[in-house]
């Protein structure tokens, strides 16, 4: 069985919304049947040629379309590339945020 066949059979979907092939915007969705958990919610940093742009956040479109499935946001640690987009996220989504006590203080 190749990877494509295995992914068709598995009810678990792993969907990176940021942080792939880039530094920053770390955010990964784990979707299992009708439930979603999210790991990290980081910001990216603009290049020098992106005048007027202060921060870059992950694209929340998939989460907006599936908001009723979201069970929570898990934060791995307190670096900006993992927590920096949380203010924008919590403005839109009313879900629990799980983190260590130190990370919660950084948030």
Protein backbone atom coordinates (compact mmCIF):
# COMPACT_ATOMS: atom_id res chain seq x y z
CA UNK A 1 0.00 0.00 0.00
CA UNK A 2 1.44 3.39 -0.94
CA UNK A 3 1.00 6.64 1.01
CA UNK A 4 -1.95 7.80 -1.12
CA UNK A 5 -3.88 4.60 -0.49
CA UNK A 6 -3.15 4.79 3.24
CA UNK A 7 -4.36 8.39 3.45
CA UNK A 8 -7.63 7.47 1.75
CA UNK A 9 -8.26 4.78 4.37
CA UNK A 10 -7.26 6.80 7.43
CA UNK A 11 -9.88 8.95 9.15
CA UNK A 12 -7.06 11.21 10.42
CA UNK A 13 -6.16 14.23 8.31
CA UNK A 14 -3.11 16.38 9.05
CA UNK A 15 -3.43 19.81 7.47
CA UNK A 16 -0.60 22.33 7.84
CA UNK A 17 -1.97 25.87 7.60
CA UNK A 18 1.46 27.41 7.98
CA UNK A 19 5.04 26.64 8.88
CA UNK A 20 5.77 24.38 5.93
CA UNK A 21 8.85 25.36 3.93
CA UNK A 22 8.96 28.70 5.77
CA UNK A 23 10.03 30.13 9.10
CA UNK A 24 7.00 31.16 11.14
CA UNK A 25 3.22 30.85 10.89
CA UNK A 26 3.35 27.44 12.57
CA UNK A 27 -0.18 26.03 12.66
CA UNK A 28 -1.28 22.45 12.07
CA UNK A 29 -4.82 21.06 12.04
CA UNK A 30 -5.46 17.47 13.07
CA UNK A 31 -8.89 16.39 11.89
CA UNK A 32 -10.29 13.05 13.00
CA UNK A 33 -13.77 12.26 11.71
CA UNK A 34 -15.87 15.23 12.94
CA UNK A 35 -13.36 16.74 15.37
CA UNK A 36 -10.49 19.17 14.90
CA UNK A 37 -7.64 20.05 17.22
CA UNK A 38 -5.12 22.69 16.29
CA UNK A 39 -1.46 22.76 17.28
CA UNK A 40 0.18 26.18 17.48
CA UNK A 41 -0.94 29.51 16.09
CA UNK A 42 2.15 31.44 15.09
CA UNK A 43 2.92 34.56 13.15
CA UNK A 44 5.32 34.99 10.28
CA UNK A 45 7.62 37.89 9.73
CA UNK A 46 7.55 40.03 6.57
CA UNK A 47 10.47 40.25 4.18
CA UNK A 48 12.19 43.61 3.75
CA UNK A 49 10.34 44.21 0.48
CA UNK A 50 6.90 43.85 2.14
CA UNK A 51 6.53 47.52 3.04
CA UNK A 52 3.68 48.30 5.43
CA UNK A 53 3.24 44.68 6.54
CA UNK A 54 3.89 44.18 10.26
CA UNK A 55 3.02 40.49 10.69
CA UNK A 56 1.77 37.57 8.65
CA UNK A 57 -0.77 35.15 10.11
CA UNK A 58 -1.95 31.74 8.89
CA UNK A 59 -4.98 31.52 6.61
CA UNK A 60 -7.97 30.67 8.86
CA UNK A 61 -10.36 29.94 5.95
CA UNK A 62 -10.48 26.16 6.54
CA UNK A 63 -11.13 26.75 10.23
CA UNK A 64 -13.93 29.22 9.50
CA UNK A 65 -15.57 26.65 7.24
CA UNK A 66 -15.28 23.96 9.93
CA UNK A 67 -15.60 26.02 13.12
CA UNK A 68 -18.15 23.65 14.72
CA UNK A 69 -15.60 20.81 14.63
CA UNK A 70 -12.85 22.67 16.54
CA UNK A 71 -12.30 21.24 20.03
CA UNK A 72 -9.27 23.26 21.09
CA UNK A 73 -5.94 24.91 20.37
CA UNK A 74 -2.78 23.33 21.81
CA UNK A 75 0.35 25.46 22.09
CA UNK A 76 3.73 23.71 22.14
CA UNK A 77 5.82 26.64 23.44
CA UNK A 78 5.95 30.41 23.67
CA UNK A 79 7.97 31.52 20.65
CA UNK A 80 6.27 34.10 18.44
CA UNK A 81 6.30 31.77 15.44
CA UNK A 82 4.05 29.45 17.53
CA UNK A 83 1.90 31.94 19.52
CA UNK A 84 1.99 35.25 17.64
CA UNK A 85 -1.31 34.86 15.75
CA UNK A 86 -3.34 33.89 18.82
CA UNK A 87 -4.90 37.39 19.22
CA UNK A 88 -6.43 37.12 15.74
CA UNK A 89 -7.48 33.50 16.34
CA UNK A 90 -9.29 34.13 19.64
CA UNK A 91 -11.11 37.10 18.11
CA UNK A 92 -12.78 34.64 15.73
CA UNK A 93 -12.93 31.32 17.55
CA UNK A 94 -14.28 30.61 21.03
CA UNK A 95 -12.37 27.43 21.87
CA UNK A 96 -10.17 26.37 24.79
CA UNK A 97 -6.44 27.10 24.55
CA UNK A 98 -4.16 24.53 26.18
CA UNK A 99 -0.57 25.34 27.13
CA UNK A 100 1.90 24.99 29.98
CA UNK A 101 1.74 27.64 32.72
CA UNK A 102 4.87 29.39 31.40
CA UNK A 103 3.55 29.47 27.84
CA UNK A 104 0.19 30.80 29.04
CA UNK A 105 1.99 33.70 30.74
CA UNK A 106 3.81 34.48 27.49
CA UNK A 107 0.53 34.47 25.58
